[in-house]
Amino acid sequence: YLNNLLYKFRIEKVKKVVSGGETGQLSIYNGLKAAKHVANDEKAIVLIHDGVRPLITERLITDNIESVLRYGSAITTAKVKETILVVNETDSSIDYVPSRNNSRVAKAPQSFWLNDILSTHEKALAKGEHDWIDSCTMMQEYGFKMHLIDGPIQNIKITTPEDFYMMRAILEAQENAQIYGVEE
């Protein structure tokens, strides 16, 4: 179906449509294998992004690429604005309250050298691990140092009706800024 849409609307930028896997990790792995094929074994950078984060900016993409070139990775984050509680699930008590200054929310994109992330996926799969929550957690566990990039506030995840309304408000504000010449 997607290939038909690409043809119908003459979208030539997309090099390959890849089926998802049973888990998020396996979906990413399928995409990484396709990226390896598209890259023809040349050294390449990959940005792993959530389809539910449509408000990505060109600046964020550039920052991720520059971070991979300089540090080997880029994990898009946002500063925590609310108090985070680490809880004991057994009795619903608070184990501790981390400082907001040292806390971030991991977002997307998460970016790496293709060979690094692909080989880490293969190591995890060889150990029977197929349900990592995200790429940065897996890469950190396998010994890679993660470099953080604070992303724009607008890089929200659209998973609930409330998120959709928030996205509409953001887009309307951006449109009004363009119309009335107001800088963000």
C-alpha atoms as a PDB file:
ATOM      1  CA  TYR A   1       0.000   0.000   0.000  1.00  0.00           C
ATOM      2  CA  LEU A   2       2.754   2.461   0.926  1.00  0.00           C
ATOM      3  CA  ASN A   3       4.716   1.638  -2.206  1.00  0.00           C
ATOM      4  CA  ASN A   4       1.586   2.437  -4.246  1.00  0.00           C
ATOM      5  CA  LEU A   5       1.214   5.797  -2.474  1.00  0.00           C
ATOM      6  CA  LEU A   6       4.871   6.621  -3.082  1.00  0.00           C
ATOM      7  CA  TYR A   7       4.398   5.899  -6.784  1.00  0.00           C
ATOM      8  CA  LYS A   8       1.050   7.731  -7.003  1.00  0.00           C
ATOM      9  CA  PHE A   9       2.432  10.928  -5.481  1.00  0.00           C
ATOM     10  CA  ARG A  10       5.868  10.583  -7.134  1.00  0.00           C
ATOM     11  CA  ILE A  11       7.750  10.564  -3.847  1.00  0.00           C
ATOM     12  CA  GLU A  12      11.266   9.468  -4.758  1.00  0.00           C
ATOM     13  CA  LYS A  13      13.017  10.371  -1.506  1.00  0.00           C
ATOM     14  CA  VAL A  14      11.910   7.135   0.205  1.00  0.00           C
ATOM     15  CA  LYS A  15      14.378   4.384  -0.651  1.00  0.00           C
ATOM     16  CA  LYS A  16      12.647   1.429   1.007  1.00  0.00           C
ATOM     17  CA  VAL A  17       9.459   0.521   2.858  1.00  0.00           C
ATOM     18  CA  VAL A  18      10.130  -1.946   5.676  1.00  0.00           C
ATOM     19  CA  SER A  19       7.687  -4.115   7.611  1.00  0.00           C
ATOM     20  CA  GLY A  20       7.632  -3.747  11.373  1.00  0.00           C
ATOM     21  CA  GLY A  21       8.491  -6.495  13.821  1.00  0.00           C
ATOM     22  CA  GLU A  22       6.725  -8.038  16.811  1.00  0.00           C
ATOM     23  CA  THR A  23       8.337  -5.466  19.149  1.00  0.00           C
ATOM     24  CA  GLY A  24       9.639  -1.936  18.755  1.00  0.00           C
ATOM     25  CA  GLN A  25      13.197  -3.241  18.931  1.00  0.00           C
ATOM     26  CA  LEU A  26      12.544  -5.738  16.137  1.00  0.00           C
ATOM     27  CA  SER A  27      10.914  -3.023  14.007  1.00  0.00           C
ATOM     28  CA  ILE A  28      14.009  -0.857  14.428  1.00  0.00           C
ATOM     29  CA  TYR A  29      16.234  -3.830  13.615  1.00  0.00           C
ATOM     30  CA  ASN A  30      14.310  -4.430  10.370  1.00  0.00           C
ATOM     31  CA  GLY A  31      14.811  -0.760   9.473  1.00  0.00           C
ATOM     32  CA  LEU A  32      18.516  -0.908  10.301  1.00  0.00           C
ATOM     33  CA  LYS A  33      19.028  -3.949   8.064  1.00  0.00           C
ATOM     34  CA  ALA A  34      17.291  -2.091   5.223  1.00  0.00           C
ATOM     35  CA  ALA A  35      19.434   1.000   5.900  1.00  0.00           C
ATOM     36  CA  LYS A  36      22.563  -1.143   5.684  1.00  0.00           C
ATOM     37  CA  HIS A  37      21.406  -2.367   2.266  1.00  0.00           C
ATOM     38  CA  VAL A  38      20.583   1.172   1.077  1.00  0.00           C
ATOM     39  CA  ALA A  39      23.956   2.485   2.358  1.00  0.00           C
ATOM     40  CA  ASN A  40      25.821  -0.156   0.319  1.00  0.00           C
ATOM     41  CA  ASP A  41      28.071  -0.875   3.320  1.00  0.00           C
ATOM     42  CA  GLU A  42      29.332   2.738   3.357  1.00  0.00           C
ATOM     43  CA  LYS A  43      29.797   4.419   6.740  1.00  0.00           C
ATOM     44  CA  ALA A  44      26.421   5.950   7.558  1.00  0.00           C
ATOM     45  CA  ILE A  45      24.534   7.747  10.301  1.00  0.00           C
ATOM     46  CA  VAL A  46      20.992   6.678  11.203  1.00  0.00           C
ATOM     47  CA  LEU A  47      18.361   8.703  13.024  1.00  0.00           C
ATOM     48  CA  ILE A  48      15.765   6.513  14.718  1.00  0.00           C
ATOM     49  CA  HIS A  49      12.582   8.524  15.060  1.00  0.00           C
ATOM     50  CA  ASP A  50       9.067   7.880  16.361  1.00  0.00           C
ATOM     51  CA  GLY A  51       6.287   8.267  13.816  1.00  0.00           C
ATOM     52  CA  VAL A  52       4.198   9.684  16.676  1.00  0.00           C
ATOM     53  CA  ARG A  53       6.541  12.703  16.918  1.00  0.00           C
ATOM     54  CA  PRO A  54       5.607  14.600  13.731  1.00  0.00           C
ATOM     55  CA  LEU A  55       6.807  18.033  14.887  1.00  0.00           C
ATOM     56  CA  ILE A  56      10.505  17.355  14.330  1.00  0.00           C
ATOM     57  CA  THR A  57      12.554  20.320  13.144  1.00  0.00           C
ATOM     58  CA  GLU A  58      15.329  20.648  10.612  1.00  0.00           C
ATOM     59  CA  ARG A  59      17.555  22.066  13.394  1.00  0.00           C
ATOM     60  CA  LEU A  60      17.005  18.954  15.535  1.00  0.00           C
ATOM     61  CA  ILE A  61      17.943  16.672  12.641  1.00  0.00           C
ATOM     62  CA  THR A  62      21.101  18.725  11.988  1.00  0.00           C
ATOM     63  CA  ASP A  63      22.018  18.734  15.703  1.00  0.00           C
ATOM     64  CA  ASN A  64      21.647  14.938  15.830  1.00  0.00           C
ATOM     65  CA  ILE A  65      23.865  14.404  12.794  1.00  0.00           C
ATOM     66  CA  GLU A  66      26.525  16.800  14.103  1.00  0.00           C
ATOM     67  CA  SER A  67      26.478  15.052  17.494  1.00  0.00           C
ATOM     68  CA  VAL A  68      27.008  11.629  15.924  1.00  0.00           C
ATOM     69  CA  LEU A  69      29.901  13.006  13.866  1.00  0.00           C
ATOM     70  CA  ARG A  70      31.487  14.481  16.999  1.00  0.00           C
ATOM     71  CA  TYR A  71      30.507  12.073  19.803  1.00  0.00           C
ATOM     72  CA  GLY A  72      29.212   8.898  18.115  1.00  0.00           C
ATOM     73  CA  SER A  73      25.622   9.281  19.305  1.00  0.00           C
ATOM     74  CA  ALA A  74      22.794  11.740  19.850  1.00  0.00           C
ATOM     75  CA  ILE A  75      19.911  11.210  22.228  1.00  0.00           C
ATOM     76  CA  THR A  76      17.239  13.884  21.977  1.00  0.00           C
ATOM     77  CA  THR A  77      16.074  14.867  25.438  1.00  0.00           C
ATOM     78  CA  ALA A  78      13.956  17.416  27.244  1.00  0.00           C
ATOM     79  CA  LYS A  79      14.565  18.918  30.654  1.00  0.00           C
ATOM     80  CA  VAL A  80      12.152  17.639  33.272  1.00  0.00           C
ATOM     81  CA  LYS A  81       9.714  20.356  34.355  1.00  0.00           C
ATOM     82  CA  GLU A  82       7.855  18.405  37.007  1.00  0.00           C
ATOM     83  CA  THR A  83       8.922  16.415  40.027  1.00  0.00           C
ATOM     84  CA  ILE A  84       9.776  12.799  39.226  1.00  0.00           C
ATOM     85  CA  LEU A  85       9.159  10.118  41.838  1.00  0.00           C
ATOM     86  CA  VAL A  86      10.958   6.776  41.714  1.00  0.00           C
ATOM     87  CA  VAL A  87       8.541   4.423  43.451  1.00  0.00           C
ATOM     88  CA  ASN A  88       8.546   0.997  45.004  1.00  0.00           C
ATOM     89  CA  GLU A  89       5.884  -0.907  43.028  1.00  0.00           C
ATOM     90  CA  THR A  90       5.271  -3.361  45.864  1.00  0.00           C
ATOM     91  CA  ASP A  91       3.889  -0.900  48.396  1.00  0.00           C
ATOM     92  CA  SER A  92       3.513   2.287  46.295  1.00  0.00           C
ATOM     93  CA  SER A  93       6.014   4.128  48.461  1.00  0.00           C
ATOM     94  CA  ILE A  94       8.545   6.654  47.205  1.00  0.00           C
ATOM     95  CA  ASP A  95      12.085   5.261  46.942  1.00  0.00           C
ATOM     96  CA  TYR A  96      13.635   8.614  46.097  1.00  0.00           C
ATOM     97  CA  VAL A  97      13.095  11.909  44.290  1.00  0.00           C
ATOM     98  CA  PRO A  98      15.828  12.666  41.740  1.00  0.00           C
ATOM     99  CA  SER A  99      16.898  16.240  41.182  1.00  0.00           C
ATOM    100  CA  ARG A 100      15.287  17.933  38.186  1.00  0.00           C
ATOM    101  CA  ASN A 101      18.719  19.349  37.338  1.00  0.00           C
ATOM    102  CA  ASN A 102      19.989  15.808  36.703  1.00  0.00           C
ATOM    103  CA  SER A 103      16.826  14.466  35.055  1.00  0.00           C
ATOM    104  CA  ARG A 104      15.855  14.377  31.404  1.00  0.00           C
ATOM    105  CA  VAL A 105      13.136  12.707  29.368  1.00  0.00           C
ATOM    106  CA  ALA A 106      14.492  10.625  26.481  1.00  0.00           C
ATOM    107  CA  LYS A 107      12.813  11.451  23.184  1.00  0.00           C
ATOM    108  CA  ALA A 108      13.517  10.917  19.505  1.00  0.00           C
ATOM    109  CA  PRO A 109      15.376  10.957  17.288  1.00  0.00           C
ATOM    110  CA  GLN A 110      18.070   8.781  18.762  1.00  0.00           C
ATOM    111  CA  SER A 111      21.009   8.720  16.379  1.00  0.00           C
ATOM    112  CA  PHE A 112      24.076   6.535  15.892  1.00  0.00           C
ATOM    113  CA  TRP A 113      26.619   5.247  13.438  1.00  0.00           C
ATOM    114  CA  LEU A 114      24.741   2.548  11.530  1.00  0.00           C
ATOM    115  CA  ASN A 115      27.329  -0.170  12.150  1.00  0.00           C
ATOM    116  CA  ASP A 116      27.379   0.522  15.911  1.00  0.00           C
ATOM    117  CA  ILE A 117      23.623   0.309  16.425  1.00  0.00           C
ATOM    118  CA  LEU A 118      23.198  -2.625  14.035  1.00  0.00           C
ATOM    119  CA  SER A 119      25.935  -4.699  15.683  1.00  0.00           C
ATOM    120  CA  THR A 120      24.484  -3.911  19.128  1.00  0.00           C
ATOM    121  CA  HIS A 121      21.064  -5.121  17.978  1.00  0.00           C
ATOM    122  CA  GLU A 122      22.649  -8.315  16.708  1.00  0.00           C
ATOM    123  CA  LYS A 123      24.431  -8.882  20.049  1.00  0.00           C
ATOM    124  CA  ALA A 124      21.165  -8.333  21.934  1.00  0.00           C
ATOM    125  CA  LEU A 125      19.245 -10.673  19.640  1.00  0.00           C
ATOM    126  CA  ALA A 126      21.950 -13.352  19.991  1.00  0.00           C
ATOM    127  CA  LYS A 127      21.338 -13.178  23.767  1.00  0.00           C
ATOM    128  CA  GLY A 128      17.567 -13.546  23.244  1.00  0.00           C
ATOM    129  CA  GLU A 129      16.877  -9.879  24.026  1.00  0.00           C
ATOM    130  CA  HIS A 130      14.159  -8.515  21.756  1.00  0.00           C
ATOM    131  CA  ASP A 131      12.177  -5.998  23.818  1.00  0.00           C
ATOM    132  CA  TRP A 132      14.466  -3.098  24.758  1.00  0.00           C
ATOM    133  CA  ILE A 133      12.419   0.015  25.538  1.00  0.00           C
ATOM    134  CA  ASP A 134      14.537   2.203  23.253  1.00  0.00           C
ATOM    135  CA  SER A 135      17.836   2.333  21.404  1.00  0.00           C
ATOM    136  CA  CYS A 136      19.709   4.567  23.856  1.00  0.00           C
ATOM    137  CA  THR A 137      18.970   2.225  26.767  1.00  0.00           C
ATOM    138  CA  MET A 138      20.280  -0.745  24.799  1.00  0.00           C
ATOM    139  CA  MET A 139      23.361   1.115  23.535  1.00  0.00           C
ATOM    140  CA  GLN A 140      24.181   2.338  27.064  1.00  0.00           C
ATOM    141  CA  GLU A 141      23.866  -1.207  28.423  1.00  0.00           C
ATOM    142  CA  TYR A 142      26.262  -2.471  25.744  1.00  0.00           C
ATOM    143  CA  GLY A 143      28.962   0.029  26.701  1.00  0.00           C
ATOM    144  CA  PHE A 144      28.362   3.020  24.447  1.00  0.00           C
ATOM    145  CA  LYS A 145      28.449   6.535  25.867  1.00  0.00           C
ATOM    146  CA  MET A 146      25.324   8.502  24.992  1.00  0.00           C
ATOM    147  CA  HIS A 147      25.531  12.203  24.116  1.00  0.00           C
ATOM    148  CA  LEU A 148      22.446  14.267  24.998  1.00  0.00           C
ATOM    149  CA  ILE A 149      20.864  16.938  22.801  1.00  0.00           C
ATOM    150  CA  ASP A 150      18.132  19.057  24.376  1.00  0.00           C
ATOM    151  CA  GLY A 151      15.404  19.250  21.755  1.00  0.00           C
ATOM    152  CA  PRO A 152      12.586  21.721  21.191  1.00  0.00           C
ATOM    153  CA  ILE A 153       9.557  21.685  23.487  1.00  0.00           C
ATOM    154  CA  GLN A 154       7.340  21.085  20.429  1.00  0.00           C
ATOM    155  CA  ASN A 155       8.864  17.608  19.893  1.00  0.00           C
ATOM    156  CA  ILE A 156       5.894  15.978  21.642  1.00  0.00           C
ATOM    157  CA  LYS A 157       4.584  12.447  21.327  1.00  0.00           C
ATOM    158  CA  ILE A 158       1.054  12.270  19.880  1.00  0.00           C
ATOM    159  CA  THR A 159      -0.580   9.240  21.530  1.00  0.00           C
ATOM    160  CA  THR A 160      -3.770  10.571  23.135  1.00  0.00           C
ATOM    161  CA  PRO A 161      -6.545  12.949  22.058  1.00  0.00           C
ATOM    162  CA  GLU A 162      -5.083  15.563  24.420  1.00  0.00           C
ATOM    163  CA  ASP A 163      -1.716  15.283  22.635  1.00  0.00           C
ATOM    164  CA  PHE A 164      -3.475  15.817  19.299  1.00  0.00           C
ATOM    165  CA  TYR A 165      -5.110  19.013  20.555  1.00  0.00           C
ATOM    166  CA  MET A 166      -1.740  20.193  21.890  1.00  0.00           C
ATOM    167  CA  MET A 167      -0.192  19.554  18.460  1.00  0.00           C
ATOM    168  CA  ARG A 168      -2.957  21.560  16.784  1.00  0.00           C
ATOM    169  CA  ALA A 169      -2.309  24.470  19.159  1.00  0.00           C
ATOM    170  CA  ILE A 170       1.426  24.352  18.420  1.00  0.00           C
ATOM    171  CA  LEU A 171       0.829  24.304  14.660  1.00  0.00           C
ATOM    172  CA  GLU A 172      -1.668  27.182  14.925  1.00  0.00           C
ATOM    173  CA  ALA A 173       0.833  29.243  16.942  1.00  0.00           C
ATOM    174  CA  GLN A 174       3.540  28.561  14.342  1.00  0.00           C
ATOM    175  CA  GLU A 175       1.176  29.505  11.514  1.00  0.00           C
ATOM    176  CA  ASN A 176       0.163  32.725  13.279  1.00  0.00           C
ATOM    177  CA  ALA A 177       3.822  33.583  13.823  1.00  0.00           C
ATOM    178  CA  GLN A 178       4.422  33.224  10.069  1.00  0.00           C
ATOM    179  CA  ILE A 179       1.338  35.238   9.131  1.00  0.00           C
ATOM    180  CA  TYR A 180       1.902  38.076  11.578  1.00  0.00           C
ATOM    181  CA  GLY A 181       5.687  38.060  11.462  1.00  0.00           C
ATOM    182  CA  VAL A 182       6.151  37.170  15.112  1.00  0.00           C
ATOM    183  CA  GLU A 183       9.408  35.367  15.908  1.00  0.00           C
ATOM    184  CA  GLU A 184       9.331  32.349  18.181  1.00  0.00           C
END
